[in-house]
Amino acid sequence: MEFCQKLKLLREEEGVTQSELAKKLGVSQSAVAQWEAGTRVPAAQAVVALARYFDTSSDFLLGLVDERLRLVPYFKELSQDEQTFMQAFSQLTAEKRNALAEIVRLFLSE
């Protein structure tokens, strides 16, 4: 599914109009319409704002991962570096997650 299709689906699931979404993001309604039509691509900061608004990852919106990850409620309160780390961690295999968790435990025990 392409970005434009995902955006429209998420917006409709949320039950907001293009105009309402545009206001929340600080963009014009025509910008949202163009994103959904696939005639224009949002800037990186708009993609981040959309991901936060729809409680998902920018990777999902951009088609880098197929599975929509719901973000934990406190995620929005994390710094950008922490959010980036959490998104990257969620894409690791179980084996790599375990290895990274062990490394973090070692750092914390020092």
PDB file of N, CA and C in Angstrom:
ATOM      1  N   MET A   1       0.850  -1.170   0.000  1.00  0.00           N
ATOM      2  CA  MET A   1       0.000   0.000   0.000  1.00  0.00           C
ATOM      3  C   MET A   1       0.899   1.237   0.000  1.00  0.00           C
ATOM      4  N   GLU A   2       0.579   2.189  -0.828  1.00  0.00           N
ATOM      5  CA  GLU A   2       1.380   3.405  -0.946  1.00  0.00           C
ATOM      6  C   GLU A   2       1.036   4.414   0.148  1.00  0.00           C
ATOM      7  N   PHE A   3       1.945   5.378   0.329  1.00  0.00           N
ATOM      8  CA  PHE A   3       1.765   6.413   1.344  1.00  0.00           C
ATOM      9  C   PHE A   3       0.393   7.074   1.224  1.00  0.00           C
ATOM     10  N   CYS A   4       0.018   7.481   0.010  1.00  0.00           N
ATOM     11  CA  CYS A   4      -1.245   8.197  -0.177  1.00  0.00           C
ATOM     12  C   CYS A   4      -2.439   7.361   0.281  1.00  0.00           C
ATOM     13  N   GLN A   5      -2.394   6.061   0.010  1.00  0.00           N
ATOM     14  CA  GLN A   5      -3.483   5.174   0.419  1.00  0.00           C
ATOM     15  C   GLN A   5      -3.502   4.990   1.939  1.00  0.00           C
ATOM     16  N   LYS A   6      -2.318   4.839   2.525  1.00  0.00           N
ATOM     17  CA  LYS A   6      -2.239   4.678   3.975  1.00  0.00           C
ATOM     18  C   LYS A   6      -2.759   5.920   4.685  1.00  0.00           C
ATOM     19  N   LEU A   7      -2.363   7.075   4.179  1.00  0.00           N
ATOM     20  CA  LEU A   7      -2.797   8.326   4.804  1.00  0.00           C
ATOM     21  C   LEU A   7      -4.314   8.449   4.783  1.00  0.00           C
ATOM     22  N   LYS A   8      -4.906   8.197   3.651  1.00  0.00           N
ATOM     23  CA  LYS A   8      -6.371   8.305   3.551  1.00  0.00           C
ATOM     24  C   LYS A   8      -7.051   7.294   4.464  1.00  0.00           C
ATOM     25  N   LEU A   9      -6.552   6.067   4.472  1.00  0.00           N
ATOM     26  CA  LEU A   9      -7.128   5.029   5.328  1.00  0.00           C
ATOM     27  C   LEU A   9      -7.034   5.413   6.801  1.00  0.00           C
ATOM     28  N   LEU A  10      -5.862   5.874   7.233  1.00  0.00           N
ATOM     29  CA  LEU A  10      -5.684   6.274   8.625  1.00  0.00           C
ATOM     30  C   LEU A  10      -6.587   7.452   8.990  1.00  0.00           C
ATOM     31  N   ARG A  11      -6.670   8.413   8.088  1.00  0.00           N
ATOM     32  CA  ARG A  11      -7.516   9.587   8.352  1.00  0.00           C
ATOM     33  C   ARG A  11      -8.969   9.168   8.497  1.00  0.00           C
ATOM     34  N   GLU A  12      -9.428   8.303   7.604  1.00  0.00           N
ATOM     35  CA  GLU A  12     -10.821   7.840   7.665  1.00  0.00           C
ATOM     36  C   GLU A  12     -11.073   6.999   8.915  1.00  0.00           C
ATOM     37  N   GLU A  13     -10.104   6.162   9.288  1.00  0.00           N
ATOM     38  CA  GLU A  13     -10.236   5.367  10.521  1.00  0.00           C
ATOM     39  C   GLU A  13     -10.349   6.272  11.736  1.00  0.00           C
ATOM     40  N   GLU A  14      -9.609   7.371  11.716  1.00  0.00           N
ATOM     41  CA  GLU A  14      -9.623   8.329  12.829  1.00  0.00           C
ATOM     42  C   GLU A  14     -10.904   9.154  12.838  1.00  0.00           C
ATOM     43  N   GLY A  15     -11.586   9.191  11.689  1.00  0.00           N
ATOM     44  CA  GLY A  15     -12.843   9.926  11.582  1.00  0.00           C
ATOM     45  C   GLY A  15     -12.673  11.434  11.488  1.00  0.00           C
ATOM     46  N   VAL A  16     -11.584  11.862  10.864  1.00  0.00           N
ATOM     47  CA  VAL A  16     -11.353  13.299  10.689  1.00  0.00           C
ATOM     48  C   VAL A  16     -11.362  13.647   9.208  1.00  0.00           C
ATOM     49  N   THR A  17     -11.755  14.864   8.922  1.00  0.00           N
ATOM     50  CA  THR A  17     -11.749  15.343   7.546  1.00  0.00           C
ATOM     51  C   THR A  17     -10.350  15.811   7.172  1.00  0.00           C
ATOM     52  N   GLN A  18     -10.141  16.020   5.900  1.00  0.00           N
ATOM     53  CA  GLN A  18      -8.861  16.570   5.446  1.00  0.00           C
ATOM     54  C   GLN A  18      -8.622  17.929   6.097  1.00  0.00           C
ATOM     55  N   SER A  19      -9.670  18.712   6.192  1.00  0.00           N
ATOM     56  CA  SER A  19      -9.562  20.045   6.787  1.00  0.00           C
ATOM     57  C   SER A  19      -9.174  19.972   8.259  1.00  0.00           C
ATOM     58  N   GLU A  20      -9.787  19.066   9.007  1.00  0.00           N
ATOM     59  CA  GLU A  20      -9.466  18.905  10.425  1.00  0.00           C
ATOM     60  C   GLU A  20      -8.031  18.445  10.617  1.00  0.00           C
ATOM     61  N   LEU A  21      -7.600  17.496   9.786  1.00  0.00           N
ATOM     62  CA  LEU A  21      -6.232  17.005   9.874  1.00  0.00           C
ATOM     63  C   LEU A  21      -5.252  18.122   9.533  1.00  0.00           C
ATOM     64  N   ALA A  22      -5.561  18.880   8.513  1.00  0.00           N
ATOM     65  CA  ALA A  22      -4.694  19.989   8.105  1.00  0.00           C
ATOM     66  C   ALA A  22      -4.516  20.987   9.246  1.00  0.00           C
ATOM     67  N   LYS A  23      -5.599  21.318   9.931  1.00  0.00           N
ATOM     68  CA  LYS A  23      -5.513  22.252  11.061  1.00  0.00           C
ATOM     69  C   LYS A  23      -4.613  21.714  12.159  1.00  0.00           C
ATOM     70  N   LYS A  24      -4.759  20.430  12.474  1.00  0.00           N
ATOM     71  CA  LYS A  24      -3.946  19.832  13.536  1.00  0.00           C
ATOM     72  C   LYS A  24      -2.462  19.812  13.177  1.00  0.00           C
ATOM     73  N   LEU A  25      -2.172  19.704  11.869  1.00  0.00           N
ATOM     74  CA  LEU A  25      -0.780  19.645  11.421  1.00  0.00           C
ATOM     75  C   LEU A  25      -0.205  21.007  11.056  1.00  0.00           C
ATOM     76  N   GLY A  26      -1.076  22.010  10.954  1.00  0.00           N
ATOM     77  CA  GLY A  26      -0.616  23.342  10.575  1.00  0.00           C
ATOM     78  C   GLY A  26      -0.285  23.467   9.098  1.00  0.00           C
ATOM     79  N   VAL A  27      -1.025  22.724   8.270  1.00  0.00           N
ATOM     80  CA  VAL A  27      -0.857  22.806   6.820  1.00  0.00           C
ATOM     81  C   VAL A  27      -2.208  23.119   6.195  1.00  0.00           C
ATOM     82  N   SER A  28      -2.217  23.343   4.907  1.00  0.00           N
ATOM     83  CA  SER A  28      -3.478  23.633   4.219  1.00  0.00           C
ATOM     84  C   SER A  28      -4.231  22.340   3.913  1.00  0.00           C
ATOM     85  N   GLN A  29      -5.538  22.471   3.750  1.00  0.00           N
ATOM     86  CA  GLN A  29      -6.362  21.323   3.385  1.00  0.00           C
ATOM     87  C   GLN A  29      -5.946  20.811   2.015  1.00  0.00           C
ATOM     88  N   SER A  30      -5.556  21.714   1.133  1.00  0.00           N
ATOM     89  CA  SER A  30      -5.141  21.279  -0.209  1.00  0.00           C
ATOM     90  C   SER A  30      -3.856  20.454  -0.152  1.00  0.00           C
ATOM     91  N   ALA A  31      -2.979  20.729   0.814  1.00  0.00           N
ATOM     92  CA  ALA A  31      -1.765  19.920   0.967  1.00  0.00           C
ATOM     93  C   ALA A  31      -2.139  18.482   1.330  1.00  0.00           C
ATOM     94  N   VAL A  32      -3.051  18.330   2.285  1.00  0.00           N
ATOM     95  CA  VAL A  32      -3.497  16.988   2.684  1.00  0.00           C
ATOM     96  C   VAL A  32      -4.157  16.289   1.494  1.00  0.00           C
ATOM     97  N   ALA A  33      -4.979  17.010   0.745  1.00  0.00           N
ATOM     98  CA  ALA A  33      -5.642  16.430  -0.426  1.00  0.00           C
ATOM     99  C   ALA A  33      -4.612  15.967  -1.462  1.00  0.00           C
ATOM    100  N   GLN A  34      -3.578  16.748  -1.666  1.00  0.00           N
ATOM    101  CA  GLN A  34      -2.539  16.379  -2.629  1.00  0.00           C
ATOM    102  C   GLN A  34      -1.735  15.170  -2.138  1.00  0.00           C
ATOM    103  N   TRP A  35      -1.484  15.098  -0.833  1.00  0.00           N
ATOM    104  CA  TRP A  35      -0.783  13.933  -0.283  1.00  0.00           C
ATOM    105  C   TRP A  35      -1.606  12.672  -0.523  1.00  0.00           C
ATOM    106  N   GLU A  36      -2.914  12.772  -0.266  1.00  0.00           N
ATOM    107  CA  GLU A  36      -3.791  11.615  -0.437  1.00  0.00           C
ATOM    108  C   GLU A  36      -3.965  11.236  -1.904  1.00  0.00           C
ATOM    109  N   ALA A  37      -3.895  12.216  -2.788  1.00  0.00           N
ATOM    110  CA  ALA A  37      -4.027  11.949  -4.220  1.00  0.00           C
ATOM    111  C   ALA A  37      -2.720  11.414  -4.811  1.00  0.00           C
ATOM    112  N   GLY A  38      -1.647  11.556  -4.056  1.00  0.00           N
ATOM    113  CA  GLY A  38      -0.352  11.100  -4.533  1.00  0.00           C
ATOM    114  C   GLY A  38       0.318  12.058  -5.497  1.00  0.00           C
ATOM    115  N   THR A  39      -0.179  13.289  -5.560  1.00  0.00           N
ATOM    116  CA  THR A  39       0.417  14.276  -6.466  1.00  0.00           C
ATOM    117  C   THR A  39       1.497  15.104  -5.795  1.00  0.00           C
ATOM    118  N   ARG A  40       1.590  14.962  -4.477  1.00  0.00           N
ATOM    119  CA  ARG A  40       2.592  15.702  -3.720  1.00  0.00           C
ATOM    120  C   ARG A  40       3.018  14.841  -2.530  1.00  0.00           C
ATOM    121  N   VAL A  41       4.291  14.964  -2.145  1.00  0.00           N
ATOM    122  CA  VAL A  41       4.829  14.206  -1.016  1.00  0.00           C
ATOM    123  C   VAL A  41       5.099  15.188   0.126  1.00  0.00           C
ATOM    124  N   PRO A  42       4.692  14.839   1.353  1.00  0.00           N
ATOM    125  CA  PRO A  42       4.931  15.752   2.471  1.00  0.00           C
ATOM    126  C   PRO A  42       6.409  15.854   2.833  1.00  0.00           C
ATOM    127  N   ALA A  43       6.775  16.966   3.418  1.00  0.00           N
ATOM    128  CA  ALA A  43       8.135  17.148   3.932  1.00  0.00           C
ATOM    129  C   ALA A  43       8.343  16.191   5.102  1.00  0.00           C
ATOM    130  N   ALA A  44       9.594  15.946   5.437  1.00  0.00           N
ATOM    131  CA  ALA A  44       9.928  15.010   6.517  1.00  0.00           C
ATOM    132  C   ALA A  44       9.237  15.377   7.824  1.00  0.00           C
ATOM    133  N   GLN A  45       9.220  16.666   8.169  1.00  0.00           N
ATOM    134  CA  GLN A  45       8.589  17.058   9.435  1.00  0.00           C
ATOM    135  C   GLN A  45       7.091  16.782   9.414  1.00  0.00           C
ATOM    136  N   ALA A  46       6.465  16.857   8.262  1.00  0.00           N
ATOM    137  CA  ALA A  46       5.035  16.538   8.160  1.00  0.00           C
ATOM    138  C   ALA A  46       4.805  15.043   8.327  1.00  0.00           C
ATOM    139  N   VAL A  47       5.713  14.225   7.805  1.00  0.00           N
ATOM    140  CA  VAL A  47       5.599  12.773   7.971  1.00  0.00           C
ATOM    141  C   VAL A  47       5.706  12.416   9.452  1.00  0.00           C
ATOM    142  N   VAL A  48       6.627  13.043  10.150  1.00  0.00           N
ATOM    143  CA  VAL A  48       6.778  12.800  11.590  1.00  0.00           C
ATOM    144  C   VAL A  48       5.502  13.220  12.325  1.00  0.00           C
ATOM    145  N   ALA A  49       4.967  14.385  11.973  1.00  0.00           N
ATOM    146  CA  ALA A  49       3.733  14.864  12.605  1.00  0.00           C
ATOM    147  C   ALA A  49       2.574  13.911  12.324  1.00  0.00           C
ATOM    148  N   LEU A  50       2.495  13.405  11.109  1.00  0.00           N
ATOM    149  CA  LEU A  50       1.442  12.439  10.766  1.00  0.00           C
ATOM    150  C   LEU A  50       1.603  11.153  11.570  1.00  0.00           C
ATOM    151  N   ALA A  51       2.823  10.669  11.685  1.00  0.00           N
ATOM    152  CA  ALA A  51       3.071   9.445  12.447  1.00  0.00           C
ATOM    153  C   ALA A  51       2.649   9.629  13.902  1.00  0.00           C
ATOM    154  N   ARG A  52       2.988  10.758  14.465  1.00  0.00           N
ATOM    155  CA  ARG A  52       2.595  11.022  15.861  1.00  0.00           C
ATOM    156  C   ARG A  52       1.079  11.128  15.986  1.00  0.00           C
ATOM    157  N   TYR A  53       0.477  11.840  15.061  1.00  0.00           N
ATOM    158  CA  TYR A  53      -0.979  12.029  15.124  1.00  0.00           C
ATOM    159  C   TYR A  53      -1.714  10.686  15.035  1.00  0.00           C
ATOM    160  N   PHE A  54      -1.268   9.838  14.115  1.00  0.00           N
ATOM    161  CA  PHE A  54      -1.949   8.558  13.899  1.00  0.00           C
ATOM    162  C   PHE A  54      -1.395   7.428  14.760  1.00  0.00           C
ATOM    163  N   ASP A  55      -0.511   7.751  15.690  1.00  0.00           N
ATOM    164  CA  ASP A  55       0.010   6.765  16.625  1.00  0.00           C
ATOM    165  C   ASP A  55       0.624   5.571  15.889  1.00  0.00           C
ATOM    166  N   THR A  56       1.537   5.882  14.977  1.00  0.00           N
ATOM    167  CA  THR A  56       2.224   4.842  14.223  1.00  0.00           C
ATOM    168  C   THR A  56       3.638   5.310  13.927  1.00  0.00           C
ATOM    169  N   SER A  57       4.388   4.552  13.170  1.00  0.00           N
ATOM    170  CA  SER A  57       5.749   4.941  12.834  1.00  0.00           C
ATOM    171  C   SER A  57       5.801   5.581  11.454  1.00  0.00           C
ATOM    172  N   SER A  58       6.774   6.441  11.279  1.00  0.00           N
ATOM    173  CA  SER A  58       6.979   7.029   9.956  1.00  0.00           C
ATOM    174  C   SER A  58       7.405   5.942   8.972  1.00  0.00           C
ATOM    175  N   ASP A  59       8.100   4.924   9.455  1.00  0.00           N
ATOM    176  CA  ASP A  59       8.489   3.805   8.593  1.00  0.00           C
ATOM    177  C   ASP A  59       7.262   3.138   7.987  1.00  0.00           C
ATOM    178  N   PHE A  60       6.219   2.971   8.776  1.00  0.00           N
ATOM    179  CA  PHE A  60       4.982   2.388   8.254  1.00  0.00           C
ATOM    180  C   PHE A  60       4.371   3.299   7.193  1.00  0.00           C
ATOM    181  N   LEU A  61       4.277   4.582   7.502  1.00  0.00           N
ATOM    182  CA  LEU A  61       3.693   5.524   6.541  1.00  0.00           C
ATOM    183  C   LEU A  61       4.449   5.533   5.215  1.00  0.00           C
ATOM    184  N   LEU A  62       5.769   5.432   5.296  1.00  0.00           N
ATOM    185  CA  LEU A  62       6.603   5.521   4.100  1.00  0.00           C
ATOM    186  C   LEU A  62       6.788   4.182   3.387  1.00  0.00           C
ATOM    187  N   GLY A  63       6.228   3.126   3.949  1.00  0.00           N
ATOM    188  CA  GLY A  63       6.302   1.830   3.297  1.00  0.00           C
ATOM    189  C   GLY A  63       7.578   1.054   3.561  1.00  0.00           C
ATOM    190  N   LEU A  64       8.340   1.469   4.563  1.00  0.00           N
ATOM    191  CA  LEU A  64       9.572   0.752   4.897  1.00  0.00           C
ATOM    192  C   LEU A  64       9.285  -0.520   5.689  1.00  0.00           C
ATOM    193  N   VAL A  65       8.176  -0.524   6.410  1.00  0.00           N
ATOM    194  CA  VAL A  65       7.708  -1.725   7.097  1.00  0.00           C
ATOM    195  C   VAL A  65       6.227  -1.894   6.767  1.00  0.00           C
ATOM    196  N   ASP A  66       5.798  -3.130   6.700  1.00  0.00           N
ATOM    197  CA  ASP A  66       4.406  -3.402   6.334  1.00  0.00           C
ATOM    198  C   ASP A  66       3.467  -3.406   7.527  1.00  0.00           C
ATOM    199  N   GLU A  67       4.006  -3.746   8.683  1.00  0.00           N
ATOM    200  CA  GLU A  67       3.169  -3.860   9.876  1.00  0.00           C
ATOM    201  C   GLU A  67       3.018  -2.512  10.559  1.00  0.00           C
ATOM    202  N   ARG A  68       1.773  -2.168  10.847  1.00  0.00           N
ATOM    203  CA  ARG A  68       1.525  -0.922  11.561  1.00  0.00           C
ATOM    204  C   ARG A  68       1.791  -1.143  13.032  1.00  0.00           C
ATOM    205  N   LEU A  69       2.781  -0.444  13.532  1.00  0.00           N
ATOM    206  CA  LEU A  69       3.115  -0.543  14.940  1.00  0.00           C
ATOM    207  C   LEU A  69       2.399   0.557  15.700  1.00  0.00           C
ATOM    208  N   ARG A  70       1.626   0.170  16.674  1.00  0.00           N
ATOM    209  CA  ARG A  70       1.002   1.147  17.562  1.00  0.00           C
ATOM    210  C   ARG A  70       2.055   1.601  18.556  1.00  0.00           C
ATOM    211  N   LEU A  71       2.158   2.880  18.727  1.00  0.00           N
ATOM    212  CA  LEU A  71       3.139   3.417  19.646  1.00  0.00           C
ATOM    213  C   LEU A  71       2.570   3.421  21.055  1.00  0.00           C
ATOM    214  N   VAL A  72       3.415   3.171  22.009  1.00  0.00           N
ATOM    215  CA  VAL A  72       2.971   3.179  23.392  1.00  0.00           C
ATOM    216  C   VAL A  72       2.590   4.601  23.786  1.00  0.00           C
ATOM    217  N   PRO A  73       1.652   4.792  24.719  1.00  0.00           N
ATOM    218  CA  PRO A  73       1.166   6.134  25.061  1.00  0.00           C
ATOM    219  C   PRO A  73       2.255   7.132  25.430  1.00  0.00           C
ATOM    220  N   TYR A  74       3.283   6.694  26.144  1.00  0.00           N
ATOM    221  CA  TYR A  74       4.317   7.633  26.566  1.00  0.00           C
ATOM    222  C   TYR A  74       5.284   7.971  25.442  1.00  0.00           C
ATOM    223  N   PHE A  75       5.188   7.297  24.320  1.00  0.00           N
ATOM    224  CA  PHE A  75       6.126   7.493  23.214  1.00  0.00           C
ATOM    225  C   PHE A  75       6.207   8.956  22.792  1.00  0.00           C
ATOM    226  N   LYS A  76       5.076   9.625  22.766  1.00  0.00           N
ATOM    227  CA  LYS A  76       5.030  11.024  22.328  1.00  0.00           C
ATOM    228  C   LYS A  76       5.796  11.947  23.270  1.00  0.00           C
ATOM    229  N   GLU A  77       6.046  11.496  24.486  1.00  0.00           N
ATOM    230  CA  GLU A  77       6.764  12.310  25.469  1.00  0.00           C
ATOM    231  C   GLU A  77       8.272  12.105  25.407  1.00  0.00           C
ATOM    232  N   LEU A  78       8.729  11.132  24.617  1.00  0.00           N
ATOM    233  CA  LEU A  78      10.153  10.858  24.509  1.00  0.00           C
ATOM    234  C   LEU A  78      10.836  11.877  23.597  1.00  0.00           C
ATOM    235  N   SER A  79      12.144  12.044  23.779  1.00  0.00           N
ATOM    236  CA  SER A  79      12.910  12.923  22.893  1.00  0.00           C
ATOM    237  C   SER A  79      12.975  12.295  21.504  1.00  0.00           C
ATOM    238  N   GLN A  80      13.384  13.080  20.526  1.00  0.00           N
ATOM    239  CA  GLN A  80      13.482  12.571  19.164  1.00  0.00           C
ATOM    240  C   GLN A  80      14.480  11.415  19.089  1.00  0.00           C
ATOM    241  N   ASP A  81      15.608  11.525  19.799  1.00  0.00           N
ATOM    242  CA  ASP A  81      16.599  10.444  19.813  1.00  0.00           C
ATOM    243  C   ASP A  81      16.002   9.177  20.412  1.00  0.00           C
ATOM    244  N   GLU A  82      15.251   9.311  21.489  1.00  0.00           N
ATOM    245  CA  GLU A  82      14.630   8.150  22.121  1.00  0.00           C
ATOM    246  C   GLU A  82      13.590   7.514  21.201  1.00  0.00           C
ATOM    247  N   GLN A  83      12.816   8.344  20.510  1.00  0.00           N
ATOM    248  CA  GLN A  83      11.821   7.819  19.574  1.00  0.00           C
ATOM    249  C   GLN A  83      12.494   7.068  18.431  1.00  0.00           C
ATOM    250  N   THR A  84      13.572   7.631  17.914  1.00  0.00           N
ATOM    251  CA  THR A  84      14.309   6.989  16.824  1.00  0.00           C
ATOM    252  C   THR A  84      14.847   5.634  17.276  1.00  0.00           C
ATOM    253  N   PHE A  85      15.404   5.588  18.493  1.00  0.00           N
ATOM    254  CA  PHE A  85      15.922   4.340  19.038  1.00  0.00           C
ATOM    255  C   PHE A  85      14.806   3.306  19.173  1.00  0.00           C
ATOM    256  N   MET A  86      13.670   3.719  19.712  1.00  0.00           N
ATOM    257  CA  MET A  86      12.550   2.798  19.909  1.00  0.00           C
ATOM    258  C   MET A  86      12.040   2.249  18.572  1.00  0.00           C
ATOM    259  N   GLN A  87      11.963   3.108  17.566  1.00  0.00           N
ATOM    260  CA  GLN A  87      11.502   2.647  16.254  1.00  0.00           C
ATOM    261  C   GLN A  87      12.489   1.652  15.655  1.00  0.00           C
ATOM    262  N   ALA A  88      13.779   1.936  15.776  1.00  0.00           N
ATOM    263  CA  ALA A  88      14.796   1.033  15.250  1.00  0.00           C
ATOM    264  C   ALA A  88      14.769  -0.298  15.998  1.00  0.00           C
ATOM    265  N   PHE A  89      14.657  -0.233  17.323  1.00  0.00           N
ATOM    266  CA  PHE A  89      14.618  -1.439  18.157  1.00  0.00           C
ATOM    267  C   PHE A  89      13.453  -2.344  17.760  1.00  0.00           C
ATOM    268  N   SER A  90      12.297  -1.736  17.462  1.00  0.00           N
ATOM    269  CA  SER A  90      11.110  -2.519  17.131  1.00  0.00           C
ATOM    270  C   SER A  90      11.266  -3.292  15.822  1.00  0.00           C
ATOM    271  N   GLN A  91      12.221  -2.894  15.001  1.00  0.00           N
ATOM    272  CA  GLN A  91      12.409  -3.559  13.709  1.00  0.00           C
ATOM    273  C   GLN A  91      13.466  -4.663  13.754  1.00  0.00           C
ATOM    274  N   LEU A  92      14.133  -4.818  14.902  1.00  0.00           N
ATOM    275  CA  LEU A  92      15.158  -5.854  15.032  1.00  0.00           C
ATOM    276  C   LEU A  92      14.525  -7.233  15.190  1.00  0.00           C
ATOM    277  N   THR A  93      15.283  -8.233  14.827  1.00  0.00           N
ATOM    278  CA  THR A  93      14.843  -9.605  15.084  1.00  0.00           C
ATOM    279  C   THR A  93      14.892  -9.853  16.593  1.00  0.00           C
ATOM    280  N   ALA A  94      14.222 -10.895  17.028  1.00  0.00           N
ATOM    281  CA  ALA A  94      14.214 -11.228  18.459  1.00  0.00           C
ATOM    282  C   ALA A  94      15.631 -11.468  18.966  1.00  0.00           C
ATOM    283  N   GLU A  95      16.432 -12.126  18.172  1.00  0.00           N
ATOM    284  CA  GLU A  95      17.816 -12.407  18.565  1.00  0.00           C
ATOM    285  C   GLU A  95      18.603 -11.114  18.768  1.00  0.00           C
ATOM    286  N   LYS A  96      18.460 -10.183  17.850  1.00  0.00           N
ATOM    287  CA  LYS A  96      19.181  -8.910  17.958  1.00  0.00           C
ATOM    288  C   LYS A  96      18.630  -8.054  19.103  1.00  0.00           C
ATOM    289  N   ARG A  97      17.327  -8.133  19.351  1.00  0.00           N
ATOM    290  CA  ARG A  97      16.748  -7.406  20.497  1.00  0.00           C
ATOM    291  C   ARG A  97      17.349  -7.919  21.795  1.00  0.00           C
ATOM    292  N   ASN A  98      17.440  -9.233  21.917  1.00  0.00           N
ATOM    293  CA  ASN A  98      18.008  -9.836  23.130  1.00  0.00           C
ATOM    294  C   ASN A  98      19.457  -9.419  23.316  1.00  0.00           C
ATOM    295  N   ALA A  99      20.225  -9.418  22.228  1.00  0.00           N
ATOM    296  CA  ALA A  99      21.636  -9.024  22.300  1.00  0.00           C
ATOM    297  C   ALA A  99      21.765  -7.566  22.727  1.00  0.00           C
ATOM    298  N   LEU A 100      20.944  -6.711  22.165  1.00  0.00           N
ATOM    299  CA  LEU A 100      20.989  -5.296  22.514  1.00  0.00           C
ATOM    300  C   LEU A 100      20.552  -5.081  23.964  1.00  0.00           C
ATOM    301  N   ALA A 101      19.546  -5.796  24.383  1.00  0.00           N
ATOM    302  CA  ALA A 101      19.098  -5.690  25.778  1.00  0.00           C
ATOM    303  C   ALA A 101      20.213  -6.087  26.736  1.00  0.00           C
ATOM    304  N   GLU A 102      20.988  -7.113  26.378  1.00  0.00           N
ATOM    305  CA  GLU A 102      22.108  -7.538  27.218  1.00  0.00           C
ATOM    306  C   GLU A 102      23.181  -6.451  27.276  1.00  0.00           C
ATOM    307  N   ILE A 103      23.458  -5.805  26.161  1.00  0.00           N
ATOM    308  CA  ILE A 103      24.414  -4.717  26.133  1.00  0.00           C
ATOM    309  C   ILE A 103      23.959  -3.572  27.038  1.00  0.00           C
ATOM    310  N   VAL A 104      22.689  -3.240  26.972  1.00  0.00           N
ATOM    311  CA  VAL A 104      22.149  -2.168  27.818  1.00  0.00           C
ATOM    312  C   VAL A 104      22.267  -2.560  29.279  1.00  0.00           C
ATOM    313  N   ARG A 105      21.978  -3.806  29.627  1.00  0.00           N
ATOM    314  CA  ARG A 105      22.111  -4.271  31.015  1.00  0.00           C
ATOM    315  C   ARG A 105      23.563  -4.114  31.500  1.00  0.00           C
ATOM    316  N   LEU A 106      24.510  -4.426  30.616  1.00  0.00           N
ATOM    317  CA  LEU A 106      25.921  -4.276  30.979  1.00  0.00           C
ATOM    318  C   LEU A 106      26.260  -2.815  31.253  1.00  0.00           C
ATOM    319  N   PHE A 107      25.782  -1.910  30.425  1.00  0.00           N
ATOM    320  CA  PHE A 107      26.025  -0.490  30.623  1.00  0.00           C
ATOM    321  C   PHE A 107      25.402  -0.009  31.936  1.00  0.00           C
ATOM    322  N   LEU A 108      24.218  -0.480  32.251  1.00  0.00           N
ATOM    323  CA  LEU A 108      23.526  -0.052  33.464  1.00  0.00           C
ATOM    324  C   LEU A 108      24.162  -0.600  34.724  1.00  0.00           C
ATOM    325  N   SER A 109      24.817  -1.729  34.612  1.00  0.00           N
ATOM    326  CA  SER A 109      25.435  -2.336  35.796  1.00  0.00           C
ATOM    327  C   SER A 109      26.771  -1.711  36.155  1.00  0.00           C
ATOM    328  N   GLU A 110      27.328  -0.917  35.267  1.00  0.00           N
ATOM    329  CA  GLU A 110      28.642  -0.281  35.539  1.00  0.00           C
ATOM    330  C   GLU A 110      28.518   0.848  36.520  1.00  0.00           C
TER     331      GLU A 110
END
